[in-house]
Amino acid sequence: MDLSKLNAIFIGESEELLGRLEQSLLAMEENPADPAHLRTIFQVMHTIKGNAGTMGLTKMAELAHHLEDAMEPIKDGKKSLNTATLDVLLENLDIFRALLQEFQSGKDAGIDIKPPLERLQKALDSEGPE
């Protein structure tokens, strides 16, 4: 398969996945314990992680991996999801979109994924158990 076609498929699928992620995150504002939306978030993160890894997009794959890990206690019911954590998750959604745009442009925009991941961990650490 032609590399430009593969890139176009990756971009199209990533845009769809990020749209699903956004819908689920916004729905979680209304019902933070909704298992269907939690499953969607994990499925999207897992798919993005694999697709980005296959395409050699280390930052995107790493971001998805860390989000998956950070959300594990929420999925397992050990932590509850609060507004601060949702805000940081939505911020990370913007980072995913910026990374995708970086890939599309072919130019390194110098996106640092460490600060938003640290904010996510801080928000998760401040939450109490379910």
N, C-alpha and C. Protein backbone atom coordinates (compact mmCIF):
# COMPACT_ATOMS: atom_id res chain seq x y z
N MET A 1 0.85 -1.18 0.00
CA MET A 1 0.00 0.00 0.00
C MET A 1 0.89 1.24 0.00
N ASP A 2 0.48 2.20 -0.75
CA ASP A 2 1.15 3.50 -0.85
C ASP A 2 1.14 4.19 0.52
N LEU A 3 2.28 4.75 0.91
CA LEU A 3 2.41 5.39 2.23
C LEU A 3 1.43 6.55 2.40
N SER A 4 1.17 7.30 1.36
CA SER A 4 0.23 8.42 1.48
C SER A 4 -1.19 7.91 1.75
N LYS A 5 -1.53 6.76 1.18
CA LYS A 5 -2.85 6.18 1.46
C LYS A 5 -2.92 5.69 2.90
N LEU A 6 -1.86 5.06 3.36
CA LEU A 6 -1.80 4.60 4.74
C LEU A 6 -1.92 5.78 5.71
N ASN A 7 -1.20 6.86 5.42
CA ASN A 7 -1.28 8.06 6.25
C ASN A 7 -2.70 8.62 6.27
N ALA A 8 -3.35 8.65 5.13
CA ALA A 8 -4.72 9.17 5.04
C ALA A 8 -5.69 8.30 5.86
N ILE A 9 -5.51 7.00 5.79
CA ILE A 9 -6.35 6.08 6.58
C ILE A 9 -6.11 6.33 8.06
N PHE A 10 -4.85 6.45 8.46
CA PHE A 10 -4.53 6.71 9.85
C PHE A 10 -5.15 8.02 10.33
N ILE A 11 -5.03 9.05 9.55
CA ILE A 11 -5.58 10.36 9.92
C ILE A 11 -7.09 10.29 10.04
N GLY A 12 -7.75 9.68 9.06
CA GLY A 12 -9.21 9.56 9.10
C GLY A 12 -9.69 8.76 10.30
N GLU A 13 -9.04 7.64 10.56
CA GLU A 13 -9.44 6.82 11.70
C GLU A 13 -9.16 7.54 13.02
N SER A 14 -8.03 8.22 13.09
CA SER A 14 -7.69 8.96 14.31
C SER A 14 -8.70 10.07 14.59
N GLU A 15 -9.11 10.78 13.55
CA GLU A 15 -10.11 11.83 13.73
C GLU A 15 -11.42 11.25 14.25
N GLU A 16 -11.82 10.10 13.70
CA GLU A 16 -13.05 9.44 14.17
C GLU A 16 -12.91 9.00 15.63
N LEU A 17 -11.77 8.41 15.96
CA LEU A 17 -11.55 7.96 17.34
C LEU A 17 -11.54 9.13 18.32
N LEU A 18 -10.91 10.22 17.94
CA LEU A 18 -10.87 11.39 18.82
C LEU A 18 -12.26 11.99 18.98
N GLY A 19 -13.08 11.92 17.95
CA GLY A 19 -14.47 12.36 18.07
C GLY A 19 -15.25 11.49 19.05
N ARG A 20 -15.04 10.19 18.98
CA ARG A 20 -15.70 9.27 19.93
C ARG A 20 -15.22 9.53 21.35
N LEU A 21 -13.92 9.78 21.49
CA LEU A 21 -13.36 10.07 22.81
C LEU A 21 -13.98 11.34 23.38
N GLU A 22 -14.08 12.35 22.56
CA GLU A 22 -14.67 13.61 23.01
C GLU A 22 -16.12 13.43 23.44
N GLN A 23 -16.89 12.70 22.65
CA GLN A 23 -18.29 12.45 23.00
C GLN A 23 -18.40 11.72 24.34
N SER A 24 -17.56 10.73 24.55
CA SER A 24 -17.62 9.97 25.80
C SER A 24 -17.18 10.82 26.99
N LEU A 25 -16.13 11.62 26.80
CA LEU A 25 -15.68 12.47 27.90
C LEU A 25 -16.76 13.49 28.28
N LEU A 26 -17.40 14.08 27.28
CA LEU A 26 -18.45 15.06 27.56
C LEU A 26 -19.65 14.39 28.23
N ALA A 27 -19.97 13.17 27.80
CA ALA A 27 -21.07 12.44 28.42
C ALA A 27 -20.74 12.08 29.87
N MET A 28 -19.47 11.87 30.16
CA MET A 28 -19.05 11.54 31.51
C MET A 28 -19.26 12.72 32.47
N GLU A 29 -19.34 13.93 31.94
CA GLU A 29 -19.64 15.08 32.80
C GLU A 29 -21.01 14.91 33.45
N GLU A 30 -21.95 14.33 32.71
CA GLU A 30 -23.30 14.11 33.21
C GLU A 30 -23.41 12.87 34.09
N ASN A 31 -22.66 11.83 33.71
CA ASN A 31 -22.72 10.56 34.44
C ASN A 31 -21.30 9.98 34.54
N PRO A 32 -20.52 10.42 35.54
CA PRO A 32 -19.12 10.03 35.64
C PRO A 32 -18.87 8.53 35.83
N ALA A 33 -19.87 7.78 36.19
CA ALA A 33 -19.66 6.35 36.43
C ALA A 33 -20.22 5.48 35.29
N ASP A 34 -20.58 6.07 34.18
CA ASP A 34 -21.20 5.33 33.08
C ASP A 34 -20.21 4.30 32.51
N PRO A 35 -20.47 3.02 32.70
CA PRO A 35 -19.52 2.00 32.24
C PRO A 35 -19.37 1.95 30.72
N ALA A 36 -20.41 2.28 29.98
CA ALA A 36 -20.31 2.26 28.51
C ALA A 36 -19.31 3.30 28.03
N HIS A 37 -19.36 4.48 28.60
CA HIS A 37 -18.44 5.53 28.18
C HIS A 37 -17.02 5.25 28.67
N LEU A 38 -16.89 4.66 29.84
CA LEU A 38 -15.55 4.26 30.30
C LEU A 38 -14.95 3.22 29.36
N ARG A 39 -15.77 2.26 28.93
CA ARG A 39 -15.29 1.25 27.97
C ARG A 39 -14.86 1.92 26.67
N THR A 40 -15.66 2.87 26.20
CA THR A 40 -15.32 3.56 24.95
C THR A 40 -13.99 4.28 25.09
N ILE A 41 -13.80 4.96 26.21
CA ILE A 41 -12.54 5.68 26.44
C ILE A 41 -11.36 4.71 26.38
N PHE A 42 -11.49 3.55 27.03
CA PHE A 42 -10.40 2.57 27.01
C PHE A 42 -10.20 1.99 25.61
N GLN A 43 -11.27 1.70 24.91
CA GLN A 43 -11.13 1.16 23.55
C GLN A 43 -10.44 2.16 22.64
N VAL A 44 -10.83 3.41 22.75
CA VAL A 44 -10.21 4.45 21.92
C VAL A 44 -8.73 4.59 22.26
N MET A 45 -8.41 4.66 23.55
CA MET A 45 -7.01 4.79 23.96
C MET A 45 -6.18 3.61 23.45
N HIS A 46 -6.73 2.42 23.59
CA HIS A 46 -6.01 1.21 23.16
C HIS A 46 -5.78 1.23 21.64
N THR A 47 -6.78 1.60 20.90
CA THR A 47 -6.66 1.64 19.44
C THR A 47 -5.68 2.72 18.99
N ILE A 48 -5.79 3.90 19.60
CA ILE A 48 -4.86 4.98 19.25
C ILE A 48 -3.42 4.56 19.58
N LYS A 49 -3.25 3.93 20.74
CA LYS A 49 -1.91 3.48 21.15
C LYS A 49 -1.33 2.55 20.09
N GLY A 50 -2.10 1.58 19.68
CA GLY A 50 -1.62 0.62 18.69
C GLY A 50 -1.38 1.24 17.32
N ASN A 51 -2.34 2.03 16.86
CA ASN A 51 -2.20 2.66 15.55
C ASN A 51 -1.02 3.63 15.51
N ALA A 52 -0.90 4.45 16.56
CA ALA A 52 0.19 5.41 16.60
C ALA A 52 1.54 4.70 16.68
N GLY A 53 1.60 3.63 17.45
CA GLY A 53 2.83 2.85 17.54
C GLY A 53 3.22 2.28 16.19
N THR A 54 2.23 1.76 15.47
CA THR A 54 2.48 1.20 14.14
C THR A 54 3.01 2.25 13.17
N MET A 55 2.51 3.49 13.34
CA MET A 55 2.91 4.58 12.45
C MET A 55 4.20 5.26 12.91
N GLY A 56 4.75 4.81 14.05
CA GLY A 56 5.98 5.39 14.55
C GLY A 56 5.79 6.71 15.28
N LEU A 57 4.58 6.98 15.74
CA LEU A 57 4.27 8.22 16.44
C LEU A 57 4.40 7.98 17.95
N THR A 58 5.60 8.06 18.42
CA THR A 58 5.94 7.69 19.79
C THR A 58 5.18 8.52 20.81
N LYS A 59 5.14 9.84 20.63
CA LYS A 59 4.47 10.70 21.61
C LYS A 59 2.99 10.36 21.72
N MET A 60 2.34 10.14 20.60
CA MET A 60 0.92 9.83 20.61
C MET A 60 0.67 8.48 21.27
N ALA A 61 1.49 7.50 20.94
CA ALA A 61 1.34 6.17 21.54
C ALA A 61 1.61 6.23 23.05
N GLU A 62 2.63 7.00 23.44
CA GLU A 62 2.96 7.13 24.85
C GLU A 62 1.85 7.84 25.62
N LEU A 63 1.29 8.89 25.03
CA LEU A 63 0.20 9.61 25.67
C LEU A 63 -1.00 8.67 25.89
N ALA A 64 -1.36 7.92 24.86
CA ALA A 64 -2.48 6.98 24.98
C ALA A 64 -2.20 5.93 26.04
N HIS A 65 -0.98 5.44 26.06
CA HIS A 65 -0.61 4.42 27.05
C HIS A 65 -0.74 4.96 28.47
N HIS A 66 -0.23 6.16 28.70
CA HIS A 66 -0.31 6.75 30.04
C HIS A 66 -1.75 7.07 30.45
N LEU A 67 -2.55 7.52 29.50
CA LEU A 67 -3.96 7.80 29.82
C LEU A 67 -4.69 6.51 30.17
N GLU A 68 -4.40 5.47 29.44
CA GLU A 68 -5.00 4.16 29.72
C GLU A 68 -4.65 3.73 31.15
N ASP A 69 -3.36 3.83 31.48
CA ASP A 69 -2.91 3.44 32.82
C ASP A 69 -3.52 4.33 33.91
N ALA A 70 -3.57 5.63 33.66
CA ALA A 70 -4.09 6.56 34.66
C ALA A 70 -5.57 6.36 34.92
N MET A 71 -6.30 5.92 33.90
CA MET A 71 -7.74 5.72 34.04
C MET A 71 -8.10 4.36 34.64
N GLU A 72 -7.13 3.49 34.75
CA GLU A 72 -7.39 2.13 35.27
C GLU A 72 -8.10 2.14 36.63
N PRO A 73 -7.65 2.95 37.62
CA PRO A 73 -8.35 2.95 38.91
C PRO A 73 -9.82 3.41 38.81
N ILE A 74 -10.11 4.26 37.85
CA ILE A 74 -11.50 4.70 37.66
C ILE A 74 -12.31 3.56 37.06
N LYS A 75 -11.73 2.91 36.08
CA LYS A 75 -12.42 1.77 35.45
C LYS A 75 -12.67 0.66 36.46
N ASP A 76 -11.72 0.46 37.37
CA ASP A 76 -11.84 -0.60 38.37
C ASP A 76 -12.68 -0.20 39.57
N GLY A 77 -13.17 1.05 39.59
CA GLY A 77 -14.01 1.51 40.69
C GLY A 77 -13.24 1.90 41.94
N LYS A 78 -11.93 2.00 41.85
CA LYS A 78 -11.12 2.37 43.00
C LYS A 78 -11.07 3.89 43.20
N LYS A 79 -11.33 4.61 42.13
CA LYS A 79 -11.37 6.07 42.17
C LYS A 79 -12.64 6.51 41.43
N SER A 80 -13.10 7.69 41.78
CA SER A 80 -14.24 8.26 41.05
C SER A 80 -13.71 9.37 40.14
N LEU A 81 -14.49 9.68 39.14
CA LEU A 81 -14.10 10.69 38.16
C LEU A 81 -14.69 12.02 38.57
N ASN A 82 -13.84 13.03 38.75
CA ASN A 82 -14.34 14.35 39.13
C ASN A 82 -14.14 15.34 37.99
N THR A 83 -14.62 16.54 38.19
CA THR A 83 -14.55 17.58 37.16
C THR A 83 -13.11 17.92 36.80
N ALA A 84 -12.24 17.99 37.80
CA ALA A 84 -10.84 18.33 37.54
C ALA A 84 -10.18 17.30 36.62
N THR A 85 -10.46 16.03 36.88
CA THR A 85 -9.88 14.97 36.04
C THR A 85 -10.46 15.03 34.64
N LEU A 86 -11.76 15.26 34.52
CA LEU A 86 -12.37 15.38 33.19
C LEU A 86 -11.76 16.55 32.42
N ASP A 87 -11.53 17.66 33.10
CA ASP A 87 -10.92 18.82 32.44
C ASP A 87 -9.54 18.48 31.89
N VAL A 88 -8.75 17.75 32.68
CA VAL A 88 -7.41 17.37 32.24
C VAL A 88 -7.49 16.34 31.10
N LEU A 89 -8.46 15.45 31.15
CA LEU A 89 -8.64 14.49 30.05
C LEU A 89 -9.01 15.22 28.76
N LEU A 90 -9.86 16.22 28.87
CA LEU A 90 -10.21 17.01 27.68
C LEU A 90 -8.99 17.79 27.17
N GLU A 91 -8.15 18.25 28.08
CA GLU A 91 -6.91 18.91 27.68
C GLU A 91 -6.03 17.93 26.89
N ASN A 92 -5.97 16.68 27.37
CA ASN A 92 -5.18 15.67 26.66
C ASN A 92 -5.78 15.35 25.29
N LEU A 93 -7.09 15.44 25.17
CA LEU A 93 -7.73 15.27 23.86
C LEU A 93 -7.20 16.33 22.90
N ASP A 94 -7.07 17.56 23.39
CA ASP A 94 -6.51 18.63 22.56
C ASP A 94 -5.06 18.33 22.16
N ILE A 95 -4.31 17.71 23.08
CA ILE A 95 -2.93 17.32 22.78
C ILE A 95 -2.92 16.26 21.68
N PHE A 96 -3.81 15.29 21.77
CA PHE A 96 -3.92 14.28 20.69
C PHE A 96 -4.17 14.96 19.35
N ARG A 97 -5.08 15.89 19.34
CA ARG A 97 -5.40 16.59 18.08
C ARG A 97 -4.19 17.38 17.56
N ALA A 98 -3.46 18.00 18.47
CA ALA A 98 -2.25 18.73 18.07
C ALA A 98 -1.19 17.77 17.52
N LEU A 99 -1.06 16.61 18.14
CA LEU A 99 -0.11 15.62 17.65
C LEU A 99 -0.52 15.10 16.27
N LEU A 100 -1.81 14.93 16.07
CA LEU A 100 -2.29 14.49 14.76
C LEU A 100 -2.01 15.57 13.71
N GLN A 101 -2.24 16.81 14.08
CA GLN A 101 -1.96 17.92 13.17
C GLN A 101 -0.47 18.00 12.87
N GLU A 102 0.35 17.76 13.88
CA GLU A 102 1.79 17.73 13.69
C GLU A 102 2.17 16.66 12.66
N PHE A 103 1.55 15.49 12.78
CA PHE A 103 1.80 14.40 11.83
C PHE A 103 1.38 14.81 10.42
N GLN A 104 0.21 15.42 10.31
CA GLN A 104 -0.30 15.84 9.00
C GLN A 104 0.62 16.86 8.34
N SER A 105 1.13 17.78 9.13
CA SER A 105 1.97 18.85 8.57
C SER A 105 3.39 18.37 8.29
N GLY A 106 3.80 17.31 8.98
CA GLY A 106 5.16 16.82 8.81
C GLY A 106 6.19 17.66 9.54
N LYS A 107 5.71 18.60 10.37
CA LYS A 107 6.62 19.49 11.10
C LYS A 107 6.50 19.23 12.59
N ASP A 108 7.65 19.13 13.25
CA ASP A 108 7.67 18.94 14.70
C ASP A 108 7.27 20.24 15.37
N ALA A 109 6.16 20.22 16.09
CA ALA A 109 5.67 21.41 16.77
C ALA A 109 6.21 21.50 18.20
N GLY A 110 7.05 20.56 18.59
CA GLY A 110 7.65 20.59 19.91
C GLY A 110 6.65 20.35 21.04
N ILE A 111 5.65 19.52 20.79
CA ILE A 111 4.63 19.25 21.79
C ILE A 111 5.21 18.39 22.90
N ASP A 112 5.07 18.86 24.12
CA ASP A 112 5.57 18.15 25.29
C ASP A 112 4.37 17.50 26.00
N ILE A 113 4.35 16.18 26.06
CA ILE A 113 3.22 15.49 26.68
C ILE A 113 3.39 15.33 28.19
N LYS A 114 4.55 15.61 28.71
CA LYS A 114 4.80 15.39 30.14
C LYS A 114 3.94 16.29 31.05
N PRO A 115 3.87 17.61 30.81
CA PRO A 115 3.07 18.46 31.72
C PRO A 115 1.59 18.06 31.82
N PRO A 116 0.90 17.78 30.71
CA PRO A 116 -0.50 17.38 30.87
C PRO A 116 -0.66 16.03 31.57
N LEU A 117 0.29 15.14 31.37
CA LEU A 117 0.23 13.85 32.07
C LEU A 117 0.45 14.05 33.57
N GLU A 118 1.33 14.97 33.93
CA GLU A 118 1.54 15.27 35.34
C GLU A 118 0.29 15.88 35.97
N ARG A 119 -0.38 16.77 35.21
CA ARG A 119 -1.63 17.36 35.72
C ARG A 119 -2.71 16.29 35.89
N LEU A 120 -2.75 15.33 34.97
CA LEU A 120 -3.72 14.24 35.10
C LEU A 120 -3.43 13.42 36.35
N GLN A 121 -2.18 13.08 36.57
CA GLN A 121 -1.85 12.29 37.75
C GLN A 121 -2.17 13.06 39.01
N LYS A 122 -1.90 14.35 39.03
CA LYS A 122 -2.21 15.18 40.20
C LYS A 122 -3.72 15.19 40.45
N ALA A 123 -4.50 15.33 39.39
CA ALA A 123 -5.97 15.33 39.54
C ALA A 123 -6.45 13.98 40.05
N LEU A 124 -5.90 12.91 39.55
CA LEU A 124 -6.28 11.56 40.00
C LEU A 124 -5.87 11.34 41.45
N ASP A 125 -4.69 11.83 41.82
CA ASP A 125 -4.22 11.64 43.19
C ASP A 125 -5.06 12.40 44.19
N SER A 126 -5.71 13.49 43.73
CA SER A 126 -6.52 14.29 44.65
C SER A 126 -7.92 13.72 44.83
N GLU A 127 -8.28 12.72 44.04
CA GLU A 127 -9.62 12.12 44.14
C GLU A 127 -9.63 11.07 45.23
N GLY A 128 -10.77 10.98 45.86
CA GLY A 128 -10.94 9.94 46.88
C GLY A 128 -11.42 8.65 46.26
N PRO A 129 -11.49 7.63 47.07
CA PRO A 129 -12.04 6.36 46.58
C PRO A 129 -13.52 6.49 46.29
N GLU A 130 -14.02 5.59 45.49
CA GLU A 130 -15.43 5.56 45.12
C GLU A 130 -16.28 5.37 46.35
